């Protein structure tokens, strides 16, 4: 094995240990544990923040640069999906309406 392979194996083992320890942290104690109220309140926003951190850059950026034109299927589909959600409050309809706009614009018109 060369040195690069050892670094790769070491990194994988280290990340595995960190993952196991952090996920099993709550099983180490025999007493029930609940986080403080401020942590619980912050955890209520974590999924929304993570989703925004993943989705928003995908919509407004291409190859590391902001989209310079509104002639982009992702932007139009995101606006339609947001409008659907505002109107009907349904996640499945939001996805379906966004994709119903995105696919024809992207595949049909090449946006």
C-alpha atoms as a PDB file:
ATOM      1  CA  UNK A   1       0.000   0.000   0.000  1.00  0.00           C
ATOM      2  CA  UNK A   2       1.289   3.444  -0.795  1.00  0.00           C
ATOM      3  CA  UNK A   3       0.903   6.501   1.408  1.00  0.00           C
ATOM      4  CA  UNK A   4      -2.178   7.826  -0.402  1.00  0.00           C
ATOM      5  CA  UNK A   5      -4.004   4.581   0.220  1.00  0.00           C
ATOM      6  CA  UNK A   6      -3.114   4.710   3.922  1.00  0.00           C
ATOM      7  CA  UNK A   7      -4.433   8.278   4.181  1.00  0.00           C
ATOM      8  CA  UNK A   8      -7.649   7.215   2.469  1.00  0.00           C
ATOM      9  CA  UNK A   9      -8.132   4.222   4.750  1.00  0.00           C
ATOM     10  CA  UNK A  10      -7.286   6.331   7.817  1.00  0.00           C
ATOM     11  CA  UNK A  11      -9.739   9.026   6.768  1.00  0.00           C
ATOM     12  CA  UNK A  12     -12.514   6.487   6.227  1.00  0.00           C
ATOM     13  CA  UNK A  13     -11.860   4.869   9.605  1.00  0.00           C
ATOM     14  CA  UNK A  14     -11.719   8.256  11.357  1.00  0.00           C
ATOM     15  CA  UNK A  15     -14.951   9.464   9.780  1.00  0.00           C
ATOM     16  CA  UNK A  16     -16.621   6.175  10.648  1.00  0.00           C
ATOM     17  CA  UNK A  17     -15.593   6.511  14.294  1.00  0.00           C
ATOM     18  CA  UNK A  18     -16.783  10.120  14.484  1.00  0.00           C
ATOM     19  CA  UNK A  19     -20.116   9.148  12.930  1.00  0.00           C
ATOM     20  CA  UNK A  20     -20.646   6.181  15.263  1.00  0.00           C
ATOM     21  CA  UNK A  21     -19.694   8.155  18.383  1.00  0.00           C
ATOM     22  CA  UNK A  22     -21.890  11.158  17.552  1.00  0.00           C
ATOM     23  CA  UNK A  23     -24.885   9.012  16.630  1.00  0.00           C
ATOM     24  CA  UNK A  24     -24.505   6.710  19.638  1.00  0.00           C
ATOM     25  CA  UNK A  25     -23.836   9.562  22.076  1.00  0.00           C
ATOM     26  CA  UNK A  26     -27.354   9.367  23.507  1.00  0.00           C
ATOM     27  CA  UNK A  27     -27.019   5.640  24.253  1.00  0.00           C
ATOM     28  CA  UNK A  28     -23.921   6.073  26.453  1.00  0.00           C
ATOM     29  CA  UNK A  29     -25.889   7.483  29.378  1.00  0.00           C
ATOM     30  CA  UNK A  30     -28.293   5.353  31.401  1.00  0.00           C
ATOM     31  CA  UNK A  31     -30.340   8.415  32.386  1.00  0.00           C
ATOM     32  CA  UNK A  32     -32.813  10.010  29.988  1.00  0.00           C
ATOM     33  CA  UNK A  33     -31.469  13.215  28.507  1.00  0.00           C
ATOM     34  CA  UNK A  34     -33.297  16.008  26.770  1.00  0.00           C
ATOM     35  CA  UNK A  35     -31.586  19.012  25.213  1.00  0.00           C
ATOM     36  CA  UNK A  36     -32.089  22.509  26.598  1.00  0.00           C
ATOM     37  CA  UNK A  37     -35.031  24.483  25.245  1.00  0.00           C
ATOM     38  CA  UNK A  38     -32.840  26.750  23.099  1.00  0.00           C
ATOM     39  CA  UNK A  39     -31.271  23.707  21.400  1.00  0.00           C
ATOM     40  CA  UNK A  40     -34.687  22.170  20.785  1.00  0.00           C
ATOM     41  CA  UNK A  41     -35.938  25.437  19.295  1.00  0.00           C
ATOM     42  CA  UNK A  42     -32.887  25.596  17.027  1.00  0.00           C
ATOM     43  CA  UNK A  43     -33.436  22.013  15.892  1.00  0.00           C
ATOM     44  CA  UNK A  44     -36.919  22.965  14.724  1.00  0.00           C
ATOM     45  CA  UNK A  45     -35.290  25.190  12.080  1.00  0.00           C
ATOM     46  CA  UNK A  46     -32.436  22.859  11.102  1.00  0.00           C
ATOM     47  CA  UNK A  47     -34.276  20.938   8.338  1.00  0.00           C
ATOM     48  CA  UNK A  48     -35.500  24.152   6.721  1.00  0.00           C
ATOM     49  CA  UNK A  49     -32.043  25.707   6.876  1.00  0.00           C
ATOM     50  CA  UNK A  50     -30.397  22.594   5.436  1.00  0.00           C
ATOM     51  CA  UNK A  51     -32.925  22.400   2.615  1.00  0.00           C
ATOM     52  CA  UNK A  52     -32.441  26.066   1.784  1.00  0.00           C
ATOM     53  CA  UNK A  53     -28.656  25.652   1.836  1.00  0.00           C
ATOM     54  CA  UNK A  54     -28.898  22.859  -0.740  1.00  0.00           C
ATOM     55  CA  UNK A  55     -31.759  24.018  -2.952  1.00  0.00           C
ATOM     56  CA  UNK A  56     -31.244  27.788  -3.274  1.00  0.00           C
ATOM     57  CA  UNK A  57     -27.709  27.633  -4.740  1.00  0.00           C
ATOM     58  CA  UNK A  58     -28.875  24.975  -7.186  1.00  0.00           C
ATOM     59  CA  UNK A  59     -31.638  27.272  -8.418  1.00  0.00           C
ATOM     60  CA  UNK A  60     -29.802  30.604  -8.648  1.00  0.00           C
ATOM     61  CA  UNK A  61     -26.286  29.488  -9.648  1.00  0.00           C
ATOM     62  CA  UNK A  62     -24.735  27.676 -12.553  1.00  0.00           C
ATOM     63  CA  UNK A  63     -21.058  26.664 -12.649  1.00  0.00           C
ATOM     64  CA  UNK A  64     -20.332  28.795  -9.588  1.00  0.00           C
ATOM     65  CA  UNK A  65     -21.822  32.004 -11.015  1.00  0.00           C
ATOM     66  CA  UNK A  66     -25.197  33.618 -10.422  1.00  0.00           C
ATOM     67  CA  UNK A  67     -27.694  33.065 -13.222  1.00  0.00           C
ATOM     68  CA  UNK A  68     -27.585  36.194 -15.385  1.00  0.00           C
ATOM     69  CA  UNK A  69     -30.903  35.742 -17.177  1.00  0.00           C
ATOM     70  CA  UNK A  70     -34.448  34.864 -16.238  1.00  0.00           C
ATOM     71  CA  UNK A  71     -34.496  32.511 -19.224  1.00  0.00           C
ATOM     72  CA  UNK A  72     -33.621  29.616 -16.948  1.00  0.00           C
ATOM     73  CA  UNK A  73     -36.024  26.734 -16.426  1.00  0.00           C
ATOM     74  CA  UNK A  74     -34.983  26.297 -12.782  1.00  0.00           C
ATOM     75  CA  UNK A  75     -35.988  29.826 -11.797  1.00  0.00           C
ATOM     76  CA  UNK A  76     -39.342  29.661 -13.575  1.00  0.00           C
ATOM     77  CA  UNK A  77     -40.080  26.216 -12.087  1.00  0.00           C
ATOM     78  CA  UNK A  78     -39.134  27.417  -8.591  1.00  0.00           C
ATOM     79  CA  UNK A  79     -41.473  30.410  -8.898  1.00  0.00           C
ATOM     80  CA  UNK A  80     -44.324  28.181 -10.104  1.00  0.00           C
ATOM     81  CA  UNK A  81     -43.657  25.656  -7.324  1.00  0.00           C
ATOM     82  CA  UNK A  82     -43.587  28.407  -4.694  1.00  0.00           C
ATOM     83  CA  UNK A  83     -46.826  29.853  -6.060  1.00  0.00           C
ATOM     84  CA  UNK A  84     -48.472  26.429  -5.915  1.00  0.00           C
ATOM     85  CA  UNK A  85     -47.350  25.933  -2.337  1.00  0.00           C
ATOM     86  CA  UNK A  86     -48.611  29.376  -1.355  1.00  0.00           C
ATOM     87  CA  UNK A  87     -51.956  28.637  -3.029  1.00  0.00           C
ATOM     88  CA  UNK A  88     -52.570  25.004  -1.997  1.00  0.00           C
ATOM     89  CA  UNK A  89     -50.046  24.235   0.805  1.00  0.00           C
ATOM     90  CA  UNK A  90     -49.284  20.809  -0.651  1.00  0.00           C
ATOM     91  CA  UNK A  91     -45.773  19.431  -1.051  1.00  0.00           C
ATOM     92  CA  UNK A  92     -46.644  16.875  -3.736  1.00  0.00           C
ATOM     93  CA  UNK A  93     -48.422  19.513  -5.822  1.00  0.00           C
ATOM     94  CA  UNK A  94     -45.459  21.841  -5.385  1.00  0.00           C
ATOM     95  CA  UNK A  95     -43.073  19.236  -6.773  1.00  0.00           C
ATOM     96  CA  UNK A  96     -45.447  18.213  -9.567  1.00  0.00           C
ATOM     97  CA  UNK A  97     -46.173  21.775 -10.693  1.00  0.00           C
ATOM     98  CA  UNK A  98     -42.498  22.745 -10.608  1.00  0.00           C
ATOM     99  CA  UNK A  99     -41.493  19.695 -12.619  1.00  0.00           C
ATOM    100  CA  UNK A 100     -44.407  20.204 -15.040  1.00  0.00           C
ATOM    101  CA  UNK A 101     -42.899  23.600 -15.859  1.00  0.00           C
ATOM    102  CA  UNK A 102     -39.230  22.627 -15.635  1.00  0.00           C
ATOM    103  CA  UNK A 103     -39.213  19.584 -17.914  1.00  0.00           C
ATOM    104  CA  UNK A 104     -40.819  21.187 -21.008  1.00  0.00           C
ATOM    105  CA  UNK A 105     -38.684  24.311 -20.659  1.00  0.00           C
ATOM    106  CA  UNK A 106     -35.440  22.394 -20.080  1.00  0.00           C
ATOM    107  CA  UNK A 107     -35.936  19.451 -22.413  1.00  0.00           C
ATOM    108  CA  UNK A 108     -38.220  21.049 -25.003  1.00  0.00           C
ATOM    109  CA  UNK A 109     -36.782  24.554 -25.288  1.00  0.00           C
ATOM    110  CA  UNK A 110     -33.279  23.863 -24.017  1.00  0.00           C
ATOM    111  CA  UNK A 111     -33.384  26.481 -21.258  1.00  0.00           C
END
